[in-house]
Amino acid sequence: MSNQNIESKVEDLLKPIIQNLGYILYDVQYIKEGKDFYLRITIDKPEGISIEDCETVNGAINEPLDEIDCIKESYFLEVSSPGLERVLRKEWHFEKQIGNKIQIKLFKSIEKKKELEGILKSFNDEYLELEIEDKIMEIERKDVAMAKTVCDVF
């Protein structure tokens, strides 16, 4: 089973459990780092996430994850908050950020830059439109290695 299929199956299983606890399932990632595998469950709620929230969700999802047994390798389960600067992977992540500043990292340079920051104006399956210094740039989504929100605190 591919990592994407595992993520999708885990998300389908956990979404109702996490919602019933009063949280939002922000993201599910199954990745290999070095020799270890990680199942990362990211949760959210309007007032933010505490360590106790992570412990509550962890306790509620352990048994259901063991029951579906869709991950053959040993893995580490991590439950966390998306943080202030959130990775944007899903369509609804991008939808919530229209009109806000985001940062993207590119696989290949555009105008000699591999990182761009600007206001997300729109997006579709093929392109992101960013307003950068009063100029609209259309960036192909296939060229985007990573996108995240930007938190300007100062």
Protein backbone atom coordinates (compact mmCIF):
# COMPACT_ATOMS: atom_id res chain seq x y z
CA MET A 1 0.00 0.00 0.00
CA SER A 2 1.43 3.41 -0.95
CA ASN A 3 2.02 6.13 1.62
CA GLN A 4 -0.79 8.17 0.04
CA ASN A 5 -3.21 5.23 0.32
CA ILE A 6 -2.20 4.70 3.96
CA GLU A 7 -2.74 8.42 4.69
CA SER A 8 -6.16 8.33 3.03
CA LYS A 9 -7.27 5.19 4.87
CA VAL A 10 -6.04 6.54 8.23
CA GLU A 11 -7.75 9.89 7.58
CA ASP A 12 -11.07 8.18 6.78
CA LEU A 13 -10.82 6.16 10.00
CA LEU A 14 -9.70 8.97 12.31
CA LYS A 15 -11.70 11.97 11.07
CA PRO A 16 -14.98 11.03 12.81
CA ILE A 17 -13.16 9.97 16.01
CA ILE A 18 -11.25 13.25 16.19
CA GLN A 19 -14.34 15.33 15.32
CA ASN A 20 -16.34 13.60 18.05
CA LEU A 21 -13.65 14.74 20.52
CA GLY A 22 -14.16 18.35 19.36
CA TYR A 23 -11.08 18.71 17.16
CA ILE A 24 -10.36 19.20 13.46
CA LEU A 25 -8.19 16.64 11.68
CA TYR A 26 -5.82 19.03 9.89
CA ASP A 27 -3.53 16.49 8.23
CA VAL A 28 -2.23 12.93 8.17
CA GLN A 29 1.28 12.13 6.98
CA TYR A 30 2.99 8.77 6.79
CA ILE A 31 6.69 9.22 6.06
CA LYS A 32 10.02 7.51 6.38
CA GLU A 33 12.88 9.44 7.92
CA GLY A 34 16.15 7.54 7.97
CA LYS A 35 15.27 3.99 8.97
CA ASP A 36 12.16 5.00 10.95
CA PHE A 37 8.54 5.43 9.85
CA TYR A 38 6.28 8.12 11.32
CA LEU A 39 2.52 8.49 11.29
CA ARG A 40 1.92 12.17 11.98
CA ILE A 41 -1.58 13.22 12.93
CA THR A 42 -2.10 16.97 13.03
CA ILE A 43 -5.12 18.30 14.91
CA ASP A 44 -6.55 21.76 15.42
CA LYS A 45 -9.31 23.71 17.13
CA PRO A 46 -10.12 27.45 17.09
CA GLU A 47 -8.54 28.21 20.47
CA GLY A 48 -5.35 26.24 19.71
CA ILE A 49 -3.98 22.87 20.75
CA SER A 50 -2.42 21.95 24.10
CA ILE A 51 -0.30 18.96 25.07
CA GLU A 52 -3.35 17.58 26.88
CA ASP A 53 -5.33 17.76 23.61
CA CYS A 54 -2.62 15.75 21.87
CA GLU A 55 -2.66 13.17 24.68
CA THR A 56 -6.46 12.89 24.49
CA VAL A 57 -6.41 12.26 20.74
CA ASN A 58 -3.46 9.88 20.98
CA GLY A 59 -5.33 7.80 23.55
CA ALA A 60 -8.47 7.72 21.42
CA ILE A 61 -6.82 6.70 18.15
CA ASN A 62 -4.29 4.04 19.22
CA GLU A 63 -6.73 1.14 19.37
CA PRO A 64 -8.61 1.93 16.11
CA LEU A 65 -5.25 2.25 14.29
CA ASP A 66 -4.18 -1.16 15.61
CA GLU A 67 -7.52 -2.67 14.51
CA ILE A 68 -7.35 -1.55 10.87
CA ASP A 69 -3.74 -2.72 10.68
CA CYS A 70 -3.03 -1.00 7.33
CA ILE A 71 0.58 -0.18 8.23
CA LYS A 72 2.87 -3.20 8.09
CA GLU A 73 6.06 -1.50 9.30
CA SER A 74 6.74 -0.45 12.88
CA TYR A 75 6.10 3.28 13.18
CA PHE A 76 6.11 6.13 15.64
CA LEU A 77 2.74 7.82 16.19
CA GLU A 78 2.93 11.59 16.65
CA VAL A 79 -0.07 13.80 17.42
CA SER A 80 0.56 17.54 17.20
CA SER A 81 -0.75 21.01 16.40
CA PRO A 82 -0.22 22.46 12.92
CA GLY A 83 1.54 25.43 14.57
CA LEU A 84 1.43 29.06 13.51
CA GLU A 85 3.11 28.49 10.16
CA ARG A 86 1.09 25.63 8.72
CA VAL A 87 2.00 23.44 5.80
CA LEU A 88 -0.62 23.64 3.07
CA ARG A 89 -1.25 20.25 1.44
CA LYS A 90 -4.99 19.89 1.00
CA GLU A 91 -7.42 21.89 -1.10
CA TRP A 92 -9.24 23.20 1.98
CA HIS A 93 -5.90 24.38 3.44
CA PHE A 94 -5.39 26.60 0.39
CA GLU A 95 -9.04 27.71 0.36
CA LYS A 96 -8.74 29.05 3.92
CA GLN A 97 -5.63 31.05 2.96
CA ILE A 98 -7.00 33.01 -0.01
CA GLY A 99 -6.20 36.65 0.72
CA ASN A 100 -3.44 35.74 3.19
CA LYS A 101 0.34 35.69 2.84
CA ILE A 102 1.89 32.32 2.10
CA GLN A 103 5.40 31.12 1.33
CA ILE A 104 6.20 28.57 -1.33
CA LYS A 105 9.38 26.64 -1.98
CA LEU A 106 9.94 25.57 -5.55
CA PHE A 107 11.58 22.54 -7.13
CA LYS A 108 13.20 24.83 -9.71
CA SER A 109 13.94 28.56 -9.72
CA ILE A 110 11.55 31.15 -11.09
CA GLU A 111 13.24 34.47 -11.81
CA LYS A 112 16.32 33.16 -9.95
CA LYS A 113 14.32 32.42 -6.78
CA LYS A 114 13.42 29.08 -5.21
CA GLU A 115 11.34 30.68 -2.43
CA LEU A 116 8.49 33.11 -2.97
CA GLU A 117 6.24 34.92 -0.52
CA GLY A 118 3.04 36.67 -1.42
CA ILE A 119 -0.71 36.93 -1.04
CA LEU A 120 -2.59 33.86 -2.30
CA LYS A 121 -5.13 35.29 -4.76
CA SER A 122 -6.51 32.04 -6.16
CA PHE A 123 -5.65 28.44 -6.98
CA ASN A 124 -6.85 25.50 -9.00
CA ASP A 125 -5.53 22.02 -9.78
CA GLU A 126 -2.80 23.42 -12.03
CA TYR A 127 -1.82 26.87 -10.72
CA LEU A 128 -1.43 29.09 -7.67
CA GLU A 129 -1.80 32.84 -8.17
CA LEU A 130 0.35 34.90 -5.83
CA GLU A 131 0.44 38.66 -5.55
CA ILE A 132 4.07 39.63 -4.99
CA GLU A 133 4.90 43.34 -4.81
CA ASP A 134 1.73 44.38 -6.72
CA LYS A 135 2.42 41.81 -9.44
CA ILE A 136 0.36 38.64 -9.96
CA MET A 137 2.45 35.53 -10.56
CA GLU A 138 0.98 32.28 -11.80
CA ILE A 139 2.96 29.34 -10.44
CA GLU A 140 2.38 25.79 -11.64
CA ARG A 141 1.45 23.55 -8.72
CA LYS A 142 3.70 20.79 -10.02
CA ASP A 143 6.64 23.18 -9.44
CA VAL A 144 5.70 23.76 -5.76
CA ALA A 145 7.74 21.60 -3.38
CA MET A 146 6.08 23.04 -0.26
CA ALA A 147 3.62 25.76 0.69
CA LYS A 148 2.96 27.17 4.15
CA THR A 149 1.32 30.06 5.92
CA VAL A 150 3.40 33.01 7.08
CA CYS A 151 3.14 34.40 10.58
CA ASP A 152 4.29 38.02 10.75
CA VAL A 153 4.49 38.78 14.47
CA PHE A 154 6.64 41.88 14.31
